[in-house]
Amino acid sequence: MSIQIISDSACDLPADIIAENDIEVIPFHVLLDGVDYLDGQTIQPVELYQKMRRGALPKTAQISPFQFIEVFTKYVNKGKQCLYIAFSSKMSGTCDAGRMAAQHVKREHPGSVIEVVDTQGGALAQGLSVYAAAKMAQAGKSMQQIIAEITLRARHTEHIFSVDDLEYLFRGGRVSRISSFVGNLLNVKPILHVKEGCMIPIEKVRGKAKAIKRIVELMAERGANLKDQIVAINHADDLTSALKLKSLIEQRFGTSEFIINTVGCVLGSHIGIGGVAAFFLNKEYFQLQVKPSSS
């Protein structure tokens, strides 16, 4: 029985990777100007950012249980096992909705296999896990093998990112109104990461160039084998900064494989325009990959 890899639109994978690897992506809802859009289907990131530049204030809504039931049922009826790789349960109720839907479908279809893995992250950190799972499924790996690998990756994929406009983080409750105002006035760029599924500010620097440089420094501190990894880069409608970050990573680590994509609508609505991020496996991941000797 083959395994169908399923994720949600927070994974931010490029369309070509999704298509080439037969990944099913369920869209979040984006609420904008009184219209309920489907992330990546009825609204694309470029359109969202254009509207945000004109002052639009989008909101998002989680994926409904009905959406999950429809997708899970479709693949169960095709005789497939389903593996849903989810956006962080600490940042959205979507993972829990997926779990409830999975239980419903399994009751309706006894013997069906539907598993859910919480990546405790989002954007291309989640996307890297989804991509790895798809490759493992294509290689004939078992559900247990894929879940073990994706669970390990979820715990040890670093999210290091910066945003341009602190106002969006203020609206999301991440910074105070005073620090938001002073930060924008002084061109302060916060550096953030994700820990235990939550987005956490770790420091501030002055200016975009220093923020990009600091991301690379943190990669050196936290990463390992960066030359041989696929490093993922997200940007919130700022390809110039993404390419600058890519160049610095190439120079510093010799990395040759990258996935670069725009931050999708669901996360772009919350971090605002101009953010840039790097995602990679940390040192602990590779230490845990070392098998003990048999002696």
Protein backbone atom coordinates (compact mmCIF):
# COMPACT_ATOMS: atom_id res chain seq x y z
CA MET A 1 0.00 0.00 0.00
CA SER A 2 1.56 3.29 -1.09
CA ILE A 3 1.84 6.33 1.15
CA GLN A 4 0.33 9.69 0.23
CA ILE A 5 2.19 12.67 1.68
CA ILE A 6 -0.13 15.50 2.67
CA SER A 7 0.66 18.92 4.12
CA ASP A 8 -0.91 22.35 4.45
CA SER A 9 -0.14 25.60 2.68
CA ALA A 10 2.04 26.84 5.53
CA CYS A 11 4.78 24.53 4.17
CA ASP A 12 5.62 27.10 1.44
CA LEU A 13 7.06 24.54 -0.99
CA PRO A 14 7.44 25.72 -4.60
CA ALA A 15 4.76 24.47 -6.99
CA ASP A 16 7.23 22.44 -9.05
CA ILE A 17 8.38 20.42 -6.02
CA ILE A 18 4.77 19.80 -4.99
CA ALA A 19 3.84 18.57 -8.46
CA GLU A 20 6.96 16.49 -9.11
CA ASN A 21 6.67 14.69 -5.78
CA ASP A 22 2.90 14.13 -5.76
CA ILE A 23 2.38 16.10 -2.54
CA GLU A 24 -1.18 17.07 -1.59
CA VAL A 25 -1.31 20.56 -0.05
CA ILE A 26 -4.47 21.64 1.77
CA PRO A 27 -4.98 25.43 1.80
CA PHE A 28 -5.46 27.69 4.79
CA HIS A 29 -8.08 30.43 4.54
CA VAL A 30 -7.09 34.07 4.02
CA LEU A 31 -9.71 36.68 4.90
CA LEU A 32 -9.22 39.88 2.93
CA ASP A 33 -11.59 42.71 1.99
CA GLY A 34 -14.57 40.61 3.05
CA VAL A 35 -13.57 37.66 0.87
CA ASP A 36 -12.54 34.18 2.07
CA TYR A 37 -9.64 33.09 -0.15
CA LEU A 38 -7.81 29.76 -0.26
CA ASP A 39 -4.07 30.20 0.25
CA GLY A 40 -2.18 29.37 -2.93
CA GLN A 41 -5.34 28.51 -4.86
CA THR A 42 -7.68 31.49 -5.11
CA ILE A 43 -5.06 33.98 -3.93
CA GLN A 44 -1.30 33.92 -4.56
CA PRO A 45 1.38 35.55 -2.39
CA VAL A 46 2.20 38.22 -5.00
CA GLU A 47 -1.43 39.40 -4.93
CA LEU A 48 -1.54 39.39 -1.14
CA TYR A 49 1.64 41.47 -0.83
CA GLN A 50 0.37 43.94 -3.42
CA LYS A 51 -2.78 44.43 -1.37
CA MET A 52 -0.79 44.73 1.86
CA ARG A 53 1.38 47.46 0.31
CA ARG A 54 -1.83 49.36 -0.36
CA GLY A 55 -2.84 49.05 3.30
CA ALA A 56 -4.87 45.82 3.40
CA LEU A 57 -4.85 43.96 6.72
CA PRO A 58 -5.40 40.26 6.00
CA LYS A 59 -6.48 37.72 8.58
CA THR A 60 -6.19 33.95 8.40
CA ALA A 61 -8.35 31.01 9.43
CA GLN A 62 -7.35 27.43 10.00
CA ILE A 63 -8.17 24.53 7.73
CA SER A 64 -11.57 23.05 8.54
CA PRO A 65 -12.08 19.42 9.58
CA PHE A 66 -14.27 19.02 6.47
CA GLN A 67 -11.33 19.89 4.22
CA PHE A 68 -9.23 17.21 5.91
CA ILE A 69 -12.02 14.62 5.79
CA GLU A 70 -12.47 15.21 2.07
CA VAL A 71 -8.75 14.78 1.32
CA PHE A 72 -8.18 11.80 3.64
CA THR A 73 -11.25 10.02 2.28
CA LYS A 74 -10.13 10.56 -1.30
CA TYR A 75 -6.83 8.77 -0.73
CA VAL A 76 -8.22 6.06 1.56
CA ASN A 77 -10.68 5.20 -1.22
CA LYS A 78 -7.68 4.83 -3.54
CA GLY A 79 -6.16 2.30 -1.15
CA LYS A 80 -3.44 4.62 0.11
CA GLN A 81 -2.04 5.29 3.56
CA CYS A 82 -2.08 8.99 4.48
CA LEU A 83 0.62 10.96 6.29
CA TYR A 84 -0.29 14.56 7.14
CA ILE A 85 2.75 16.68 8.04
CA ALA A 86 1.38 19.70 9.87
CA PHE A 87 2.09 23.33 10.68
CA SER A 88 3.01 23.86 14.36
CA SER A 89 0.18 23.05 16.76
CA LYS A 90 1.48 25.90 18.97
CA MET A 91 0.72 28.45 16.23
CA SER A 92 -2.50 27.06 14.78
CA GLY A 93 -5.33 24.68 15.60
CA THR A 94 -4.99 23.09 12.18
CA CYS A 95 -2.87 20.17 13.37
CA ASP A 96 -5.53 19.24 15.93
CA ALA A 97 -8.26 19.60 13.29
CA GLY A 98 -6.29 17.18 11.13
CA ARG A 99 -6.05 14.69 13.99
CA MET A 100 -9.79 14.87 14.66
CA ALA A 101 -10.55 14.42 10.97
CA ALA A 102 -8.19 11.44 10.79
CA GLN A 103 -10.02 9.73 13.65
CA HIS A 104 -13.36 10.36 11.95
CA VAL A 105 -12.21 8.89 8.63
CA LYS A 106 -10.65 5.87 10.35
CA ARG A 107 -13.96 5.16 12.09
CA GLU A 108 -15.76 5.40 8.77
CA HIS A 109 -13.13 3.28 7.03
CA PRO A 110 -11.91 0.56 9.42
CA GLY A 111 -8.40 -0.59 8.62
CA SER A 112 -7.38 2.69 6.99
CA VAL A 113 -4.04 4.23 7.96
CA ILE A 114 -3.89 7.99 8.57
CA GLU A 115 -1.03 9.46 10.59
CA VAL A 116 -0.33 13.05 11.65
CA VAL A 117 3.08 14.55 12.49
CA ASP A 118 3.34 17.98 14.12
CA THR A 119 6.45 19.66 12.68
CA GLN A 120 6.48 22.25 15.50
CA GLY A 121 7.37 24.76 12.80
CA GLY A 122 6.23 26.26 9.55
CA ALA A 123 7.26 27.81 6.25
CA LEU A 124 10.11 26.02 4.48
CA ALA A 125 11.24 24.35 7.72
CA GLN A 126 8.00 22.41 7.48
CA GLY A 127 8.52 22.22 3.73
CA LEU A 128 11.90 20.52 4.08
CA SER A 129 10.31 17.79 6.20
CA VAL A 130 7.49 17.36 3.69
CA TYR A 131 9.98 17.12 0.82
CA ALA A 132 12.08 14.55 2.70
CA ALA A 133 8.97 12.50 3.47
CA ALA A 134 7.91 12.51 -0.17
CA LYS A 135 11.34 11.29 -1.26
CA MET A 136 11.25 8.51 1.35
CA ALA A 137 7.76 7.47 0.26
CA GLN A 138 8.91 7.31 -3.35
CA ALA A 139 11.84 5.15 -2.26
CA GLY A 140 9.46 2.65 -0.67
CA LYS A 141 10.20 3.43 2.98
CA SER A 142 7.62 2.32 5.54
CA MET A 143 5.26 4.66 7.38
CA GLN A 144 7.20 4.01 10.61
CA GLN A 145 10.53 4.88 8.97
CA ILE A 146 9.16 8.11 7.51
CA ILE A 147 7.53 9.20 10.77
CA ALA A 148 10.72 8.52 12.72
CA GLU A 149 12.79 10.64 10.32
CA ILE A 150 10.28 13.49 10.11
CA THR A 151 9.85 13.58 13.88
CA LEU A 152 13.64 13.87 14.27
CA ARG A 153 13.79 16.61 11.65
CA ALA A 154 10.94 18.50 13.32
CA ARG A 155 12.94 18.67 16.55
CA HIS A 156 16.18 19.72 14.89
CA THR A 157 15.34 22.03 11.99
CA GLU A 158 16.40 25.58 12.77
CA HIS A 159 14.25 28.56 11.76
CA ILE A 160 16.36 31.76 11.76
CA PHE A 161 14.63 34.81 10.35
CA SER A 162 14.25 38.55 10.41
CA VAL A 163 11.31 40.84 9.63
CA ASP A 164 11.24 44.37 8.29
CA ASP A 165 8.19 45.89 9.94
CA LEU A 166 7.66 45.34 13.64
CA GLU A 167 4.07 46.58 13.32
CA TYR A 168 2.95 43.17 12.08
CA LEU A 169 4.57 41.44 15.05
CA PHE A 170 2.87 43.95 17.35
CA ARG A 171 -0.51 43.11 15.86
CA GLY A 172 0.28 39.45 16.41
CA GLY A 173 1.20 40.08 20.06
CA ARG A 174 4.93 39.40 19.58
CA VAL A 175 6.25 42.82 20.61
CA SER A 176 4.89 45.78 22.58
CA ARG A 177 3.51 48.89 20.91
CA ILE A 178 6.43 50.97 22.28
CA SER A 179 9.13 48.62 21.02
CA SER A 180 7.33 48.38 17.68
CA PHE A 181 7.34 52.16 17.26
CA VAL A 182 10.95 52.61 18.38
CA GLY A 183 12.09 49.66 16.32
CA ASN A 184 10.65 51.02 13.10
CA LEU A 185 11.93 54.50 13.86
CA LEU A 186 15.48 53.27 14.41
CA ASN A 187 15.48 50.71 11.57
CA VAL A 188 15.82 47.87 14.07
CA LYS A 189 15.43 44.39 12.61
CA PRO A 190 14.53 41.66 15.10
CA ILE A 191 16.10 38.23 14.67
CA LEU A 192 13.75 35.41 15.64
CA HIS A 193 13.72 31.64 15.80
CA VAL A 194 11.21 28.91 16.54
CA LYS A 195 11.54 26.93 19.75
CA GLU A 196 9.15 24.16 20.84
CA GLY A 197 6.73 25.26 18.14
CA CYS A 198 6.60 28.96 19.05
CA MET A 199 8.08 32.02 17.34
CA ILE A 200 10.50 33.77 19.72
CA PRO A 201 12.58 36.97 19.28
CA ILE A 202 16.22 36.38 20.22
CA GLU A 203 18.00 39.66 19.42
CA LYS A 204 17.89 42.89 17.40
CA VAL A 205 20.28 44.43 14.89
CA ARG A 206 20.32 47.72 13.03
CA GLY A 207 19.48 47.44 9.32
CA LYS A 208 18.69 44.69 6.79
CA ALA A 209 22.30 44.04 5.76
CA LYS A 210 23.34 43.32 9.36
CA ALA A 211 20.27 41.14 9.84
CA ILE A 212 21.20 38.97 6.86
CA LYS A 213 24.80 38.73 8.06
CA ARG A 214 23.62 37.74 11.54
CA ILE A 215 21.43 34.96 10.14
CA VAL A 216 24.55 33.46 8.52
CA GLU A 217 26.50 33.77 11.77
CA LEU A 218 23.76 31.92 13.64
CA MET A 219 23.82 29.22 10.97
CA ALA A 220 27.53 28.74 11.67
CA GLU A 221 26.84 28.48 15.40
CA ARG A 222 23.93 26.07 15.18
CA GLY A 223 24.36 24.12 11.96
CA ALA A 224 26.55 21.26 10.77
CA ASN A 225 27.33 19.75 7.37
CA LEU A 226 25.84 22.86 5.78
CA LYS A 227 27.78 22.22 2.58
CA ASP A 228 25.88 18.98 2.03
CA GLN A 229 22.43 20.01 3.24
CA ILE A 230 19.51 21.42 1.30
CA VAL A 231 19.21 24.90 2.82
CA ALA A 232 15.82 26.57 2.43
CA ILE A 233 15.30 30.32 2.16
CA ASN A 234 11.96 32.11 2.46
CA HIS A 235 11.35 35.76 1.70
CA ALA A 236 8.30 37.96 2.14
CA ASP A 237 8.28 39.65 -1.27
CA ASP A 238 11.99 40.51 -1.09
CA LEU A 239 13.85 38.28 -3.54
CA THR A 240 16.88 40.61 -3.50
CA SER A 241 17.48 39.90 0.19
CA ALA A 242 16.88 36.18 -0.33
CA LEU A 243 19.53 36.07 -3.07
CA LYS A 244 21.94 38.07 -0.91
CA LEU A 245 21.45 35.55 1.89
CA LYS A 246 21.98 32.68 -0.55
CA SER A 247 25.23 34.23 -1.77
CA LEU A 248 26.58 34.64 1.77
CA ILE A 249 25.66 31.03 2.62
CA GLU A 250 27.42 29.79 -0.52
CA GLN A 251 30.53 31.80 0.32
CA ARG A 252 30.63 30.80 3.99
CA PHE A 253 29.68 27.11 3.79
CA GLY A 254 29.95 26.01 0.17
CA THR A 255 26.29 25.00 0.10
CA SER A 256 25.08 24.09 -3.38
CA GLU A 257 21.48 22.92 -2.89
CA PHE A 258 18.81 25.47 -2.05
CA ILE A 259 15.05 25.79 -2.06
CA ILE A 260 14.04 29.45 -2.34
CA ASN A 261 10.42 30.58 -2.29
CA THR A 262 8.16 33.43 -1.28
CA VAL A 263 6.51 33.21 2.13
CA GLY A 264 2.94 32.08 1.47
CA CYS A 265 -0.20 33.96 2.32
CA VAL A 266 -0.90 32.40 5.70
CA LEU A 267 2.46 33.33 7.24
CA GLY A 268 2.94 36.49 5.18
CA SER A 269 -0.25 37.86 6.73
CA HIS A 270 1.40 37.69 10.16
CA ILE A 271 5.05 38.62 9.56
CA GLY A 272 4.48 41.37 7.00
CA ILE A 273 6.47 42.42 3.94
CA GLY A 274 10.24 42.10 3.68
CA GLY A 275 11.14 39.24 5.99
CA VAL A 276 13.88 36.75 5.09
CA ALA A 277 14.63 33.37 6.66
CA ALA A 278 16.99 30.41 6.52
CA PHE A 279 16.08 26.84 7.49
CA PHE A 280 18.56 24.02 8.06
CA LEU A 281 19.31 20.96 10.19
CA ASN A 282 21.28 21.65 13.35
CA LYS A 283 24.26 19.91 14.94
CA GLU A 284 22.15 17.72 17.19
CA TYR A 285 20.41 16.15 14.20
CA PHE A 286 23.69 14.85 12.83
CA GLN A 287 24.91 13.72 16.23
CA LEU A 288 21.77 11.62 16.59
CA GLN A 289 22.35 10.18 13.12
CA VAL A 290 25.62 8.61 14.31
CA LYS A 291 24.94 4.99 15.08
CA PRO A 292 26.66 3.44 18.11
CA SER A 293 29.37 0.91 17.35
CA SER A 294 28.55 -2.77 17.70
CA SER A 295 31.63 -3.46 19.83
